[in-house]
Amino acid sequence: MKIKFFTPKKKFRKGGLTTNPDFFWDAILLLVLLLIIVSFIFGFFLFKKVNNDAFSDYEITQKKIDTVSQERMESILKYFDARRAKSLDILNSPSPFIDPSL
């Protein structure tokens, strides 16, 4: 005769508190897909805005170019001509010291 007073039963169930990796992969793929769609829409609207504003910026830069004075441009050109002449003089002149190894 067998007495069944208190015998713990071994209950092994599959699943439980474990996580399902398929759910997380699906969530990551959905998030990436949404990010791609949102970035595409943002890029499209940004392109349309830049495309419409391009002509008005051209007019503003054209006004800025007209405000540069001719005298200032000539003085800058003279400065760079003087620098070029000085550089050519330095390159064409012989060295001021004699090489002691000769």
Protein backbone atom coordinates (compact mmCIF):
# COMPACT_ATOMS: atom_id res chain seq x y z
CA MET A 1 0.00 0.00 0.00
CA LYS A 2 1.32 3.44 -1.00
CA ILE A 3 0.60 6.49 1.13
CA LYS A 4 0.09 9.67 -0.85
CA PHE A 5 0.51 12.20 1.91
CA PHE A 6 2.54 15.02 0.28
CA THR A 7 4.43 14.41 -2.92
CA PRO A 8 5.48 17.42 -4.95
CA LYS A 9 4.45 17.15 -8.53
CA LYS A 10 6.94 18.10 -11.22
CA LYS A 11 5.17 20.44 -13.57
CA PHE A 12 7.26 21.62 -16.47
CA ARG A 13 5.33 23.86 -18.76
CA LYS A 14 6.58 25.25 -22.01
CA GLY A 15 6.53 29.03 -22.29
CA GLY A 16 5.79 30.79 -19.07
CA LEU A 17 7.59 34.08 -18.51
CA THR A 18 9.93 33.70 -21.48
CA THR A 19 9.82 36.29 -24.22
CA ASN A 20 8.99 35.65 -27.82
CA PRO A 21 11.83 36.92 -30.07
CA ASP A 22 9.55 36.97 -33.10
CA PHE A 23 7.47 39.73 -31.52
CA PHE A 24 10.54 41.93 -30.95
CA TRP A 25 11.88 41.38 -34.47
CA ASP A 26 8.49 42.30 -35.86
CA ALA A 27 8.41 45.42 -33.68
CA ILE A 28 11.91 46.45 -34.81
CA LEU A 29 11.06 45.93 -38.48
CA LEU A 30 7.85 47.92 -38.10
CA LEU A 31 9.72 50.73 -36.36
CA VAL A 32 12.36 50.86 -39.11
CA LEU A 33 9.70 50.84 -41.79
CA LEU A 34 7.87 53.72 -40.12
CA LEU A 35 11.14 55.64 -39.74
CA ILE A 36 11.90 55.20 -43.45
CA ILE A 37 8.42 56.37 -44.45
CA VAL A 38 8.55 59.42 -42.15
CA SER A 39 12.02 60.40 -43.41
CA PHE A 40 10.84 60.07 -47.01
CA ILE A 41 7.85 62.33 -46.35
CA PHE A 42 10.04 64.85 -44.50
CA GLY A 43 12.57 64.87 -47.35
CA PHE A 44 9.83 65.36 -49.92
CA PHE A 45 8.34 68.36 -48.10
CA LEU A 46 11.81 69.82 -47.52
CA PHE A 47 12.60 69.43 -51.22
CA LYS A 48 9.38 71.19 -52.19
CA LYS A 49 10.11 74.06 -49.79
CA VAL A 50 13.68 74.49 -51.03
CA ASN A 51 12.58 74.24 -54.62
CA ASN A 52 10.03 77.05 -54.16
CA ASP A 53 12.37 79.33 -52.17
CA ALA A 54 15.35 79.02 -54.53
CA PHE A 55 14.31 81.89 -56.80
CA SER A 56 13.75 84.38 -54.01
CA ASP A 57 17.23 83.68 -52.59
CA TYR A 58 18.77 84.39 -55.97
CA GLU A 59 17.28 87.88 -56.01
CA ILE A 60 18.64 88.60 -52.52
CA THR A 61 22.17 87.50 -53.43
CA GLN A 62 22.03 89.51 -56.64
CA LYS A 63 21.31 92.67 -54.59
CA LYS A 64 24.25 91.90 -52.28
CA ILE A 65 26.64 91.55 -55.22
CA ASP A 66 25.64 94.96 -56.57
CA THR A 67 26.51 96.68 -53.26
CA VAL A 68 30.27 95.87 -53.41
CA SER A 69 32.24 99.00 -54.34
CA GLN A 70 34.58 99.04 -57.31
CA GLU A 71 37.36 100.85 -55.38
CA ARG A 72 37.46 98.17 -52.72
CA MET A 73 37.75 95.42 -55.34
CA GLU A 74 40.61 97.27 -57.05
CA SER A 75 42.49 97.72 -53.78
CA ILE A 76 42.16 94.00 -53.03
CA LEU A 77 43.42 93.12 -56.51
CA LYS A 78 46.40 95.45 -56.08
CA TYR A 79 47.23 93.79 -52.75
CA PHE A 80 47.27 90.34 -54.30
CA ASP A 81 49.33 91.56 -57.26
CA ALA A 82 51.91 92.93 -54.82
CA ARG A 83 52.00 89.61 -52.96
CA ARG A 84 52.49 87.71 -56.21
CA ALA A 85 55.35 90.00 -57.26
CA LYS A 86 57.01 89.60 -53.86
CA SER A 87 56.66 85.80 -54.05
CA LEU A 88 58.22 85.75 -57.50
CA ASP A 89 61.13 87.90 -56.27
CA ILE A 90 61.76 85.51 -53.40
CA LEU A 91 61.65 82.45 -55.67
CA ASN A 92 63.93 83.96 -58.36
CA SER A 93 66.55 85.45 -56.02
CA PRO A 94 69.62 83.35 -55.12
CA SER A 95 70.05 82.13 -51.58
CA PRO A 96 71.67 84.74 -49.29
CA PHE A 97 74.16 82.31 -47.68
CA ILE A 98 76.83 80.05 -49.08
CA ASP A 99 76.57 76.32 -48.52
CA PRO A 100 79.51 75.25 -46.30
CA SER A 101 79.59 71.74 -47.73
CA LEU A 102 80.92 72.97 -51.09
